Amino acid sequence: MIFKSKKCTGLLSVAFFLISFNGTKAIAQQSGQLAAISDLGRLNGIALHCKALGETQRMKRVLVATLPKRRQLGELFDYETNRSFMAFIERDEACPSPQSLTLQVDEALQRLQSLYPAK
């Protein structure tokens, strides 16, 4: 990884994705939308590490059905997934229970769907 600082990397990724958005939507809403995608990426990294493949598939299905078709949004999800996966290993954390992970994914998906209106 080019950037070692988590703070620097996070700020750069958010700045990149904010800049990539066109239009006059409020920055606060865009930030909330990006945070929702980032949170799903974080959960996806955990699910991958814990071999909860059903949860990863469910998150991806909802992302594809919900998000506008923009490469940057998919890249943000993938970036956060990778970062979360590696951080989970570094911290040597225990996997959450399947029920706990499902609940966290449910909440994150509901948040995403509330921020991106139905197509």
N, C-alpha and C. Protein backbone atom coordinates (compact mmCIF):
# COMPACT_ATOMS: atom_id res chain seq x y z
N MET A 1 0.84 -1.17 0.00
CA MET A 1 0.00 0.00 0.00
C MET A 1 0.89 1.24 0.00
N ILE A 2 0.52 2.22 -0.79
CA ILE A 2 1.33 3.42 -0.92
C ILE A 2 1.28 4.26 0.34
N PHE A 3 0.10 4.42 0.92
CA PHE A 3 -0.06 5.25 2.09
C PHE A 3 -0.12 4.38 3.34
N LYS A 4 0.70 4.71 4.33
CA LYS A 4 0.73 3.93 5.56
C LYS A 4 -0.27 4.48 6.59
N SER A 5 -0.50 5.78 6.59
CA SER A 5 -1.36 6.40 7.58
C SER A 5 -2.83 6.14 7.24
N LYS A 6 -3.56 5.57 8.19
CA LYS A 6 -4.98 5.31 7.98
C LYS A 6 -5.74 6.61 7.79
N LYS A 7 -5.37 7.62 8.57
CA LYS A 7 -6.05 8.92 8.49
C LYS A 7 -5.82 9.53 7.11
N CYS A 8 -4.60 9.51 6.63
CA CYS A 8 -4.25 10.08 5.33
C CYS A 8 -4.98 9.32 4.22
N THR A 9 -4.97 8.02 4.29
CA THR A 9 -5.61 7.20 3.28
C THR A 9 -7.11 7.44 3.25
N GLY A 10 -7.72 7.49 4.42
CA GLY A 10 -9.16 7.72 4.50
C GLY A 10 -9.55 9.07 3.95
N LEU A 11 -8.80 10.10 4.30
CA LEU A 11 -9.09 11.44 3.81
C LEU A 11 -8.93 11.53 2.30
N LEU A 12 -7.88 10.91 1.79
CA LEU A 12 -7.66 10.93 0.35
C LEU A 12 -8.77 10.19 -0.39
N SER A 13 -9.20 9.06 0.13
CA SER A 13 -10.25 8.31 -0.56
C SER A 13 -11.57 9.08 -0.56
N VAL A 14 -11.92 9.69 0.57
CA VAL A 14 -13.16 10.47 0.62
C VAL A 14 -13.06 11.68 -0.30
N ALA A 15 -11.91 12.37 -0.30
CA ALA A 15 -11.74 13.53 -1.17
C ALA A 15 -11.87 13.13 -2.64
N PHE A 16 -11.25 12.02 -3.01
CA PHE A 16 -11.31 11.55 -4.39
C PHE A 16 -12.75 11.29 -4.81
N PHE A 17 -13.50 10.63 -3.97
CA PHE A 17 -14.86 10.29 -4.35
C PHE A 17 -15.79 11.49 -4.31
N LEU A 18 -15.55 12.44 -3.42
CA LEU A 18 -16.36 13.66 -3.42
C LEU A 18 -16.10 14.47 -4.68
N ILE A 19 -14.85 14.54 -5.10
CA ILE A 19 -14.50 15.28 -6.30
C ILE A 19 -15.11 14.61 -7.53
N SER A 20 -15.20 13.30 -7.53
CA SER A 20 -15.69 12.58 -8.70
C SER A 20 -17.19 12.76 -8.92
N PHE A 21 -17.93 13.22 -7.92
CA PHE A 21 -19.36 13.44 -8.08
C PHE A 21 -19.61 14.74 -8.83
N ASN A 22 -20.53 14.71 -9.77
CA ASN A 22 -20.95 15.91 -10.48
C ASN A 22 -22.33 16.29 -9.98
N GLY A 23 -22.74 17.53 -10.21
CA GLY A 23 -24.07 17.97 -9.83
C GLY A 23 -24.02 18.89 -8.63
N THR A 24 -25.21 19.25 -8.14
CA THR A 24 -25.31 20.24 -7.07
C THR A 24 -25.86 19.65 -5.78
N LYS A 25 -25.82 18.35 -5.62
CA LYS A 25 -26.29 17.75 -4.37
C LYS A 25 -25.46 18.26 -3.21
N ALA A 26 -26.06 18.31 -2.05
CA ALA A 26 -25.34 18.78 -0.86
C ALA A 26 -24.21 17.83 -0.53
N ILE A 27 -23.07 18.40 -0.15
CA ILE A 27 -21.90 17.60 0.23
C ILE A 27 -22.24 16.68 1.40
N ALA A 28 -23.07 17.16 2.32
CA ALA A 28 -23.42 16.34 3.49
C ALA A 28 -24.11 15.05 3.06
N GLN A 29 -25.03 15.15 2.10
CA GLN A 29 -25.72 13.95 1.63
C GLN A 29 -24.74 13.03 0.93
N GLN A 30 -23.87 13.59 0.09
CA GLN A 30 -22.89 12.76 -0.59
C GLN A 30 -21.97 12.08 0.42
N SER A 31 -21.58 12.82 1.45
CA SER A 31 -20.73 12.23 2.48
C SER A 31 -21.44 11.08 3.17
N GLY A 32 -22.72 11.26 3.46
CA GLY A 32 -23.51 10.19 4.08
C GLY A 32 -23.63 8.98 3.17
N GLN A 33 -23.82 9.23 1.89
CA GLN A 33 -23.90 8.14 0.93
C GLN A 33 -22.58 7.38 0.85
N LEU A 34 -21.49 8.13 0.78
CA LEU A 34 -20.18 7.49 0.71
C LEU A 34 -19.87 6.74 2.00
N ALA A 35 -20.28 7.29 3.13
CA ALA A 35 -20.06 6.60 4.40
C ALA A 35 -20.84 5.30 4.45
N ALA A 36 -22.04 5.29 3.89
CA ALA A 36 -22.85 4.06 3.87
C ALA A 36 -22.17 2.98 3.02
N ILE A 37 -21.61 3.38 1.88
CA ILE A 37 -20.90 2.44 1.03
C ILE A 37 -19.64 1.94 1.74
N SER A 38 -18.93 2.86 2.38
CA SER A 38 -17.71 2.49 3.12
C SER A 38 -18.03 1.51 4.23
N ASP A 39 -19.14 1.74 4.93
CA ASP A 39 -19.51 0.85 6.02
C ASP A 39 -19.82 -0.55 5.50
N LEU A 40 -20.49 -0.63 4.36
CA LEU A 40 -20.74 -1.95 3.76
C LEU A 40 -19.43 -2.61 3.34
N GLY A 41 -18.50 -1.83 2.83
CA GLY A 41 -17.18 -2.39 2.48
C GLY A 41 -16.48 -2.94 3.71
N ARG A 42 -16.59 -2.19 4.82
CA ARG A 42 -15.98 -2.64 6.09
C ARG A 42 -16.60 -3.98 6.50
N LEU A 43 -17.91 -4.06 6.46
CA LEU A 43 -18.59 -5.30 6.83
C LEU A 43 -18.27 -6.43 5.85
N ASN A 44 -18.11 -6.10 4.58
CA ASN A 44 -17.76 -7.11 3.59
C ASN A 44 -16.38 -7.70 3.86
N GLY A 45 -15.44 -6.86 4.27
CA GLY A 45 -14.11 -7.35 4.62
C GLY A 45 -14.17 -8.32 5.79
N ILE A 46 -14.98 -7.99 6.78
CA ILE A 46 -15.15 -8.87 7.94
C ILE A 46 -15.81 -10.17 7.50
N ALA A 47 -16.86 -10.05 6.70
CA ALA A 47 -17.57 -11.25 6.24
C ALA A 47 -16.65 -12.16 5.42
N LEU A 48 -15.83 -11.57 4.58
CA LEU A 48 -14.89 -12.38 3.80
C LEU A 48 -13.90 -13.11 4.70
N HIS A 49 -13.36 -12.38 5.67
CA HIS A 49 -12.39 -13.00 6.58
C HIS A 49 -13.04 -14.13 7.38
N CYS A 50 -14.29 -13.92 7.77
CA CYS A 50 -15.00 -14.90 8.61
C CYS A 50 -15.74 -15.95 7.79
N LYS A 51 -15.54 -15.92 6.48
CA LYS A 51 -16.13 -16.90 5.56
C LYS A 51 -17.66 -16.91 5.59
N ALA A 52 -18.24 -15.72 5.76
CA ALA A 52 -19.70 -15.55 5.73
C ALA A 52 -20.07 -15.14 4.30
N LEU A 53 -19.91 -16.07 3.38
CA LEU A 53 -20.07 -15.75 1.96
C LEU A 53 -21.51 -15.39 1.59
N GLY A 54 -22.46 -15.90 2.31
CA GLY A 54 -23.86 -15.52 2.07
C GLY A 54 -24.08 -14.04 2.31
N GLU A 55 -23.41 -13.51 3.33
CA GLU A 55 -23.54 -12.08 3.62
C GLU A 55 -22.86 -11.24 2.55
N THR A 56 -21.69 -11.70 2.07
CA THR A 56 -21.00 -10.93 1.02
C THR A 56 -21.85 -10.90 -0.25
N GLN A 57 -22.46 -12.02 -0.59
CA GLN A 57 -23.30 -12.08 -1.78
C GLN A 57 -24.53 -11.18 -1.63
N ARG A 58 -25.11 -11.18 -0.44
CA ARG A 58 -26.29 -10.34 -0.18
C ARG A 58 -25.94 -8.86 -0.31
N MET A 59 -24.80 -8.46 0.27
CA MET A 59 -24.38 -7.05 0.17
C MET A 59 -24.17 -6.65 -1.28
N LYS A 60 -23.51 -7.49 -2.05
CA LYS A 60 -23.25 -7.14 -3.45
C LYS A 60 -24.53 -7.06 -4.27
N ARG A 61 -25.48 -7.98 -4.01
CA ARG A 61 -26.76 -7.93 -4.73
C ARG A 61 -27.47 -6.60 -4.48
N VAL A 62 -27.51 -6.18 -3.21
CA VAL A 62 -28.19 -4.93 -2.87
C VAL A 62 -27.44 -3.73 -3.44
N LEU A 63 -26.11 -3.75 -3.39
CA LEU A 63 -25.33 -2.65 -3.97
C LEU A 63 -25.63 -2.51 -5.46
N VAL A 64 -25.61 -3.61 -6.18
CA VAL A 64 -25.86 -3.56 -7.62
C VAL A 64 -27.27 -3.07 -7.91
N ALA A 65 -28.23 -3.49 -7.11
CA ALA A 65 -29.62 -3.09 -7.34
C ALA A 65 -29.91 -1.66 -6.89
N THR A 66 -29.11 -1.13 -5.98
CA THR A 66 -29.42 0.16 -5.35
C THR A 66 -28.61 1.32 -5.89
N LEU A 67 -27.32 1.12 -6.07
CA LEU A 67 -26.44 2.24 -6.42
C LEU A 67 -26.54 2.63 -7.89
N PRO A 68 -26.30 3.91 -8.17
CA PRO A 68 -26.16 4.31 -9.57
C PRO A 68 -24.95 3.57 -10.16
N LYS A 69 -24.97 3.34 -11.43
CA LYS A 69 -23.88 2.61 -12.08
C LYS A 69 -22.70 3.55 -12.29
N ARG A 70 -21.89 3.72 -11.23
CA ARG A 70 -20.70 4.57 -11.29
C ARG A 70 -19.51 3.77 -10.80
N ARG A 71 -18.49 3.75 -11.61
CA ARG A 71 -17.29 2.99 -11.28
C ARG A 71 -16.72 3.39 -9.92
N GLN A 72 -16.74 4.68 -9.61
CA GLN A 72 -16.14 5.17 -8.38
C GLN A 72 -16.82 4.58 -7.14
N LEU A 73 -18.11 4.36 -7.22
CA LEU A 73 -18.82 3.80 -6.07
C LEU A 73 -18.40 2.35 -5.83
N GLY A 74 -18.27 1.58 -6.90
CA GLY A 74 -17.80 0.20 -6.77
C GLY A 74 -16.36 0.15 -6.28
N GLU A 75 -15.54 1.08 -6.75
CA GLU A 75 -14.15 1.13 -6.31
C GLU A 75 -14.05 1.47 -4.82
N LEU A 76 -14.92 2.37 -4.37
CA LEU A 76 -14.93 2.71 -2.94
C LEU A 76 -15.28 1.48 -2.10
N PHE A 77 -16.29 0.74 -2.52
CA PHE A 77 -16.68 -0.49 -1.82
C PHE A 77 -15.53 -1.48 -1.79
N ASP A 78 -14.89 -1.69 -2.93
CA ASP A 78 -13.77 -2.64 -3.01
C ASP A 78 -12.59 -2.19 -2.15
N TYR A 79 -12.29 -0.90 -2.19
CA TYR A 79 -11.18 -0.35 -1.41
C TYR A 79 -11.44 -0.56 0.08
N GLU A 80 -12.63 -0.24 0.54
CA GLU A 80 -12.96 -0.39 1.96
C GLU A 80 -13.01 -1.86 2.37
N THR A 81 -13.44 -2.72 1.45
CA THR A 81 -13.44 -4.16 1.72
C THR A 81 -12.01 -4.64 1.98
N ASN A 82 -11.10 -4.27 1.11
CA ASN A 82 -9.71 -4.69 1.24
C ASN A 82 -9.09 -4.13 2.52
N ARG A 83 -9.35 -2.86 2.77
CA ARG A 83 -8.79 -2.22 3.97
C ARG A 83 -9.32 -2.89 5.23
N SER A 84 -10.60 -3.19 5.26
CA SER A 84 -11.21 -3.85 6.42
C SER A 84 -10.66 -5.25 6.61
N PHE A 85 -10.54 -5.99 5.52
CA PHE A 85 -10.02 -7.36 5.58
C PHE A 85 -8.63 -7.36 6.20
N MET A 86 -7.76 -6.47 5.71
CA MET A 86 -6.38 -6.42 6.20
C MET A 86 -6.33 -5.93 7.66
N ALA A 87 -7.15 -4.96 8.00
CA ALA A 87 -7.16 -4.44 9.38
C ALA A 87 -7.65 -5.51 10.35
N PHE A 88 -8.62 -6.30 9.92
CA PHE A 88 -9.16 -7.37 10.76
C PHE A 88 -8.07 -8.39 11.09
N ILE A 89 -7.26 -8.69 10.10
CA ILE A 89 -6.14 -9.62 10.30
C ILE A 89 -5.10 -9.01 11.24
N GLU A 90 -4.74 -7.75 10.98
CA GLU A 90 -3.73 -7.08 11.80
C GLU A 90 -4.14 -7.00 13.27
N ARG A 91 -5.42 -6.75 13.52
CA ARG A 91 -5.89 -6.62 14.91
C ARG A 91 -6.16 -7.98 15.53
N ASP A 92 -6.12 -9.04 14.73
CA ASP A 92 -6.35 -10.40 15.21
C ASP A 92 -7.66 -10.49 15.99
N GLU A 93 -8.71 -9.96 15.39
CA GLU A 93 -10.02 -9.94 16.04
C GLU A 93 -10.74 -11.27 15.87
N ALA A 94 -11.66 -11.53 16.78
CA ALA A 94 -12.51 -12.71 16.66
C ALA A 94 -13.69 -12.36 15.75
N CYS A 95 -14.14 -13.33 15.01
CA CYS A 95 -15.28 -13.12 14.13
C CYS A 95 -16.55 -12.91 14.96
N PRO A 96 -17.41 -11.99 14.50
CA PRO A 96 -18.68 -11.83 15.19
C PRO A 96 -19.55 -13.07 14.97
N SER A 97 -20.53 -13.25 15.81
CA SER A 97 -21.44 -14.37 15.61
C SER A 97 -22.20 -14.15 14.31
N PRO A 98 -22.65 -15.22 13.67
CA PRO A 98 -23.42 -15.06 12.43
C PRO A 98 -24.64 -14.15 12.61
N GLN A 99 -25.31 -14.26 13.75
CA GLN A 99 -26.48 -13.43 14.01
C GLN A 99 -26.10 -11.95 14.12
N SER A 100 -25.00 -11.69 14.80
CA SER A 100 -24.54 -10.31 14.97
C SER A 100 -24.14 -9.71 13.62
N LEU A 101 -23.43 -10.46 12.83
CA LEU A 101 -23.01 -9.97 11.52
C LEU A 101 -24.23 -9.71 10.64
N THR A 102 -25.20 -10.62 10.65
CA THR A 102 -26.41 -10.43 9.86
C THR A 102 -27.15 -9.17 10.29
N LEU A 103 -27.24 -8.93 11.58
CA LEU A 103 -27.90 -7.72 12.09
C LEU A 103 -27.16 -6.46 11.63
N GLN A 104 -25.83 -6.48 11.71
CA GLN A 104 -25.04 -5.32 11.27
C GLN A 104 -25.21 -5.08 9.76
N VAL A 105 -25.23 -6.14 8.99
CA VAL A 105 -25.43 -6.02 7.54
C VAL A 105 -26.83 -5.50 7.25
N ASP A 106 -27.84 -6.02 7.94
CA ASP A 106 -29.21 -5.54 7.76
C ASP A 106 -29.29 -4.03 7.97
N GLU A 107 -28.70 -3.55 9.07
CA GLU A 107 -28.74 -2.12 9.39
C GLU A 107 -28.01 -1.30 8.33
N ALA A 108 -26.86 -1.78 7.89
CA ALA A 108 -26.08 -1.05 6.88
C ALA A 108 -26.82 -1.01 5.54
N LEU A 109 -27.46 -2.11 5.17
CA LEU A 109 -28.22 -2.14 3.91
C LEU A 109 -29.43 -1.22 3.97
N GLN A 110 -30.11 -1.21 5.10
CA GLN A 110 -31.26 -0.30 5.26
C GLN A 110 -30.81 1.15 5.16
N ARG A 111 -29.68 1.47 5.77
CA ARG A 111 -29.16 2.84 5.70
C ARG A 111 -28.84 3.20 4.25
N LEU A 112 -28.16 2.31 3.54
CA LEU A 112 -27.83 2.56 2.14
C LEU A 112 -29.09 2.80 1.33
N GLN A 113 -30.08 1.94 1.49
CA GLN A 113 -31.31 2.07 0.69
C GLN A 113 -32.09 3.33 1.04
N SER A 114 -31.96 3.82 2.27
CA SER A 114 -32.64 5.07 2.62
C SER A 114 -31.93 6.29 2.00
N LEU A 115 -30.63 6.16 1.74
CA LEU A 115 -29.86 7.27 1.17
C LEU A 115 -29.89 7.30 -0.35
N TYR A 116 -30.19 6.17 -0.95
CA TYR A 116 -30.30 6.09 -2.41
C TYR A 116 -31.74 5.69 -2.74
N PRO A 117 -32.53 6.64 -3.20
CA PRO A 117 -33.93 6.34 -3.51
C PRO A 117 -34.06 5.24 -4.55
N ALA A 118 -35.19 4.55 -4.51
CA ALA A 118 -35.44 3.46 -5.48
C ALA A 118 -35.36 4.00 -6.90
N LYS A 119 -34.82 3.17 -7.77
CA LYS A 119 -34.67 3.56 -9.19
C LYS A 119 -35.98 3.53 -9.90
